[in-house]
Amino acid sequence: MIFPCLSSQSIIIEIFAKNWIHWAIAKVFSGMASAYTGPAIINYLTEISMPKMRGAMLSSFAFFFSLGGLAASIALKVLDTVSRVDLSGLDRESISAHVSPPSR
C-alpha cells in the first residue's frame, strides 16, 4: 500500500514542480518507493526461481541495479561536459527558453 502512494506522490510533485526544491522532494519520494520495492522483488525472485538459478538471478538483479547507477553517472558527466548553457539558478520556463532550438 505504501508503494502506490509514494510512487503517485512523486509523479504528481515532479509534474507540477516549479523549482528545484520541489523536484528534489519528488525524487526523495521516488527513492523511497524504489527502496520499498527492492526487498519485494528479491523475495519474489527467490520464490519463483529454481534452486540452481536462484543465486544467479539475485546476483543479476544487483548487477543491473549497479549498472544503471553507473550509466546514470556517465550520462550526467557527459551532459555536464557537453552542455554549453549555464542553467544554475534558472526556473523551468527559463531553462526551456535556453534549451529549445531556435525557431526558423
C-alpha atoms as a PDB file:
ATOM      1  CA  MET A   1       0.000   0.000   0.000  1.00  0.00           C
ATOM      2  CA  ILE A   2       2.917   2.326   0.655  1.00  0.00           C
ATOM      3  CA  PHE A   3       4.468   1.937  -2.807  1.00  0.00           C
ATOM      4  CA  PRO A   4       1.487   3.211  -4.870  1.00  0.00           C
ATOM      5  CA  CYS A   5       1.085   6.228  -2.578  1.00  0.00           C
ATOM      6  CA  LEU A   6       4.767   7.195  -2.688  1.00  0.00           C
ATOM      7  CA  SER A   7       5.054   6.488  -6.392  1.00  0.00           C
ATOM      8  CA  SER A   8       1.992   8.533  -7.317  1.00  0.00           C
ATOM      9  CA  GLN A   9       3.047  11.358  -4.981  1.00  0.00           C
ATOM     10  CA  SER A  10       6.475  11.539  -6.575  1.00  0.00           C
ATOM     11  CA  ILE A  11       4.996  11.620 -10.085  1.00  0.00           C
ATOM     12  CA  ILE A  12       2.483  14.346  -9.227  1.00  0.00           C
ATOM     13  CA  ILE A  13       5.038  16.501  -7.402  1.00  0.00           C
ATOM     14  CA  GLU A  14       7.544  16.134 -10.239  1.00  0.00           C
ATOM     15  CA  ILE A  15       4.986  17.131 -12.856  1.00  0.00           C
ATOM     16  CA  PHE A  16       3.926  20.282 -11.019  1.00  0.00           C
ATOM     17  CA  ALA A  17       7.346  21.258  -9.617  1.00  0.00           C
ATOM     18  CA  LYS A  18       8.118  24.925 -10.121  1.00  0.00           C
ATOM     19  CA  ASN A  19      11.620  24.951  -8.613  1.00  0.00           C
ATOM     20  CA  TRP A  20      14.401  22.533  -7.831  1.00  0.00           C
ATOM     21  CA  ILE A  21      13.367  22.047  -4.193  1.00  0.00           C
ATOM     22  CA  HIS A  22      10.005  20.576  -5.186  1.00  0.00           C
ATOM     23  CA  TRP A  23      11.725  18.399  -7.792  1.00  0.00           C
ATOM     24  CA  ALA A  24      14.206  17.162  -5.148  1.00  0.00           C
ATOM     25  CA  ILE A  25      11.325  16.290  -2.804  1.00  0.00           C
ATOM     26  CA  ALA A  26       9.726  14.305  -5.635  1.00  0.00           C
ATOM     27  CA  LYS A  27      12.993  12.435  -6.133  1.00  0.00           C
ATOM     28  CA  VAL A  28      13.119  11.595  -2.413  1.00  0.00           C
ATOM     29  CA  PHE A  29       9.609  10.113  -2.623  1.00  0.00           C
ATOM     30  CA  SER A  30      10.621   8.205  -5.752  1.00  0.00           C
ATOM     31  CA  GLY A  31      13.685   6.833  -3.991  1.00  0.00           C
ATOM     32  CA  MET A  32      11.592   5.753  -1.018  1.00  0.00           C
ATOM     33  CA  ALA A  33       9.184   3.947  -3.343  1.00  0.00           C
ATOM     34  CA  SER A  34      12.095   2.170  -5.022  1.00  0.00           C
ATOM     35  CA  ALA A  35      13.509   1.211  -1.625  1.00  0.00           C
ATOM     36  CA  TYR A  36      10.212  -0.391  -0.675  1.00  0.00           C
ATOM     37  CA  THR A  37      10.012  -2.424  -3.889  1.00  0.00           C
ATOM     38  CA  GLY A  38      13.579  -3.785  -3.748  1.00  0.00           C
ATOM     39  CA  PRO A  39      13.020  -6.358  -0.977  1.00  0.00           C
ATOM     40  CA  ALA A  40       9.709  -7.420  -2.509  1.00  0.00           C
ATOM     41  CA  ILE A  41      11.371  -8.092  -5.869  1.00  0.00           C
ATOM     42  CA  ILE A  42      14.150 -10.088  -4.224  1.00  0.00           C
ATOM     43  CA  ASN A  43      11.640 -12.171  -2.230  1.00  0.00           C
ATOM     44  CA  TYR A  44       9.586 -12.779  -5.360  1.00  0.00           C
ATOM     45  CA  LEU A  45      12.673 -13.905  -7.287  1.00  0.00           C
ATOM     46  CA  THR A  46      13.616 -16.368  -4.549  1.00  0.00           C
ATOM     47  CA  GLU A  47      10.102 -17.828  -4.539  1.00  0.00           C
ATOM     48  CA  ILE A  48       9.692 -18.356  -8.285  1.00  0.00           C
ATOM     49  CA  SER A  49      13.211 -19.336  -9.311  1.00  0.00           C
ATOM     50  CA  MET A  50      14.605 -22.833  -9.400  1.00  0.00           C
ATOM     51  CA  PRO A  51      17.137 -23.504  -6.630  1.00  0.00           C
ATOM     52  CA  LYS A  52      20.009 -23.869  -9.114  1.00  0.00           C
ATOM     53  CA  MET A  53      19.247 -20.491 -10.722  1.00  0.00           C
ATOM     54  CA  ARG A  54      18.406 -18.569  -7.529  1.00  0.00           C
ATOM     55  CA  GLY A  55      21.910 -17.200  -6.877  1.00  0.00           C
ATOM     56  CA  ALA A  56      22.399 -16.107 -10.480  1.00  0.00           C
ATOM     57  CA  MET A  57      19.057 -14.321 -10.594  1.00  0.00           C
ATOM     58  CA  LEU A  58      19.672 -12.446  -7.354  1.00  0.00           C
ATOM     59  CA  SER A  59      23.207 -11.521  -8.437  1.00  0.00           C
ATOM     60  CA  SER A  60      21.955 -10.299 -11.812  1.00  0.00           C
ATOM     61  CA  PHE A  61      19.398  -8.066 -10.054  1.00  0.00           C
ATOM     62  CA  ALA A  62      22.156  -6.412  -8.024  1.00  0.00           C
ATOM     63  CA  PHE A  63      24.455  -6.236 -11.065  1.00  0.00           C
ATOM     64  CA  PHE A  64      21.933  -4.474 -13.276  1.00  0.00           C
ATOM     65  CA  PHE A  65      20.965  -2.111 -10.445  1.00  0.00           C
ATOM     66  CA  SER A  66      24.627  -1.100 -10.138  1.00  0.00           C
ATOM     67  CA  LEU A  67      24.981  -0.900 -13.918  1.00  0.00           C
ATOM     68  CA  GLY A  68      22.038   1.523 -14.044  1.00  0.00           C
ATOM     69  CA  GLY A  69      23.701   3.727 -11.433  1.00  0.00           C
ATOM     70  CA  LEU A  70      26.932   3.715 -13.440  1.00  0.00           C
ATOM     71  CA  ALA A  71      25.080   4.582 -16.654  1.00  0.00           C
ATOM     72  CA  ALA A  72      23.300   7.468 -14.919  1.00  0.00           C
ATOM     73  CA  SER A  73      26.610   8.824 -13.603  1.00  0.00           C
ATOM     74  CA  ILE A  74      28.228   8.631 -17.035  1.00  0.00           C
ATOM     75  CA  ALA A  75      25.223  10.278 -18.690  1.00  0.00           C
ATOM     76  CA  LEU A  76      25.265  13.149 -16.189  1.00  0.00           C
ATOM     77  CA  LYS A  77      29.005  13.658 -16.691  1.00  0.00           C
ATOM     78  CA  VAL A  78      28.607  13.709 -20.485  1.00  0.00           C
ATOM     79  CA  LEU A  79      25.682  16.117 -20.190  1.00  0.00           C
ATOM     80  CA  ASP A  80      27.726  18.365 -17.909  1.00  0.00           C
ATOM     81  CA  THR A  81      30.658  18.319 -20.344  1.00  0.00           C
ATOM     82  CA  VAL A  82      28.593  18.861 -23.495  1.00  0.00           C
ATOM     83  CA  SER A  83      26.196  21.447 -22.061  1.00  0.00           C
ATOM     84  CA  ARG A  84      27.071  24.928 -23.295  1.00  0.00           C
ATOM     85  CA  VAL A  85      24.462  26.772 -21.236  1.00  0.00           C
ATOM     86  CA  ASP A  86      24.810  27.544 -17.523  1.00  0.00           C
ATOM     87  CA  LEU A  87      21.429  26.532 -16.125  1.00  0.00           C
ATOM     88  CA  SER A  88      22.131  27.172 -12.454  1.00  0.00           C
ATOM     89  CA  GLY A  89      19.610  29.378 -10.732  1.00  0.00           C
ATOM     90  CA  LEU A  90      17.033  29.319 -13.527  1.00  0.00           C
ATOM     91  CA  ASP A  91      13.421  28.229 -13.256  1.00  0.00           C
ATOM     92  CA  ARG A  92      11.687  25.795 -15.608  1.00  0.00           C
ATOM     93  CA  GLU A  93      10.455  28.434 -18.090  1.00  0.00           C
ATOM     94  CA  SER A  94      13.908  29.996 -18.407  1.00  0.00           C
ATOM     95  CA  ILE A  95      15.539  26.602 -18.914  1.00  0.00           C
ATOM     96  CA  SER A  96      13.112  25.665 -21.684  1.00  0.00           C
ATOM     97  CA  ALA A  97      13.748  29.030 -23.345  1.00  0.00           C
ATOM     98  CA  HIS A  98      17.539  28.469 -23.268  1.00  0.00           C
ATOM     99  CA  VAL A  99      17.486  24.801 -24.291  1.00  0.00           C
ATOM    100  CA  SER A 100      14.838  24.829 -27.006  1.00  0.00           C
ATOM    101  CA  PRO A 101      16.143  25.113 -30.565  1.00  0.00           C
ATOM    102  CA  PRO A 102      15.778  28.447 -32.297  1.00  0.00           C
ATOM    103  CA  SER A 103      12.651  28.922 -34.368  1.00  0.00           C
ATOM    104  CA  ARG A 104      13.001  29.467 -38.087  1.00  0.00           C
END
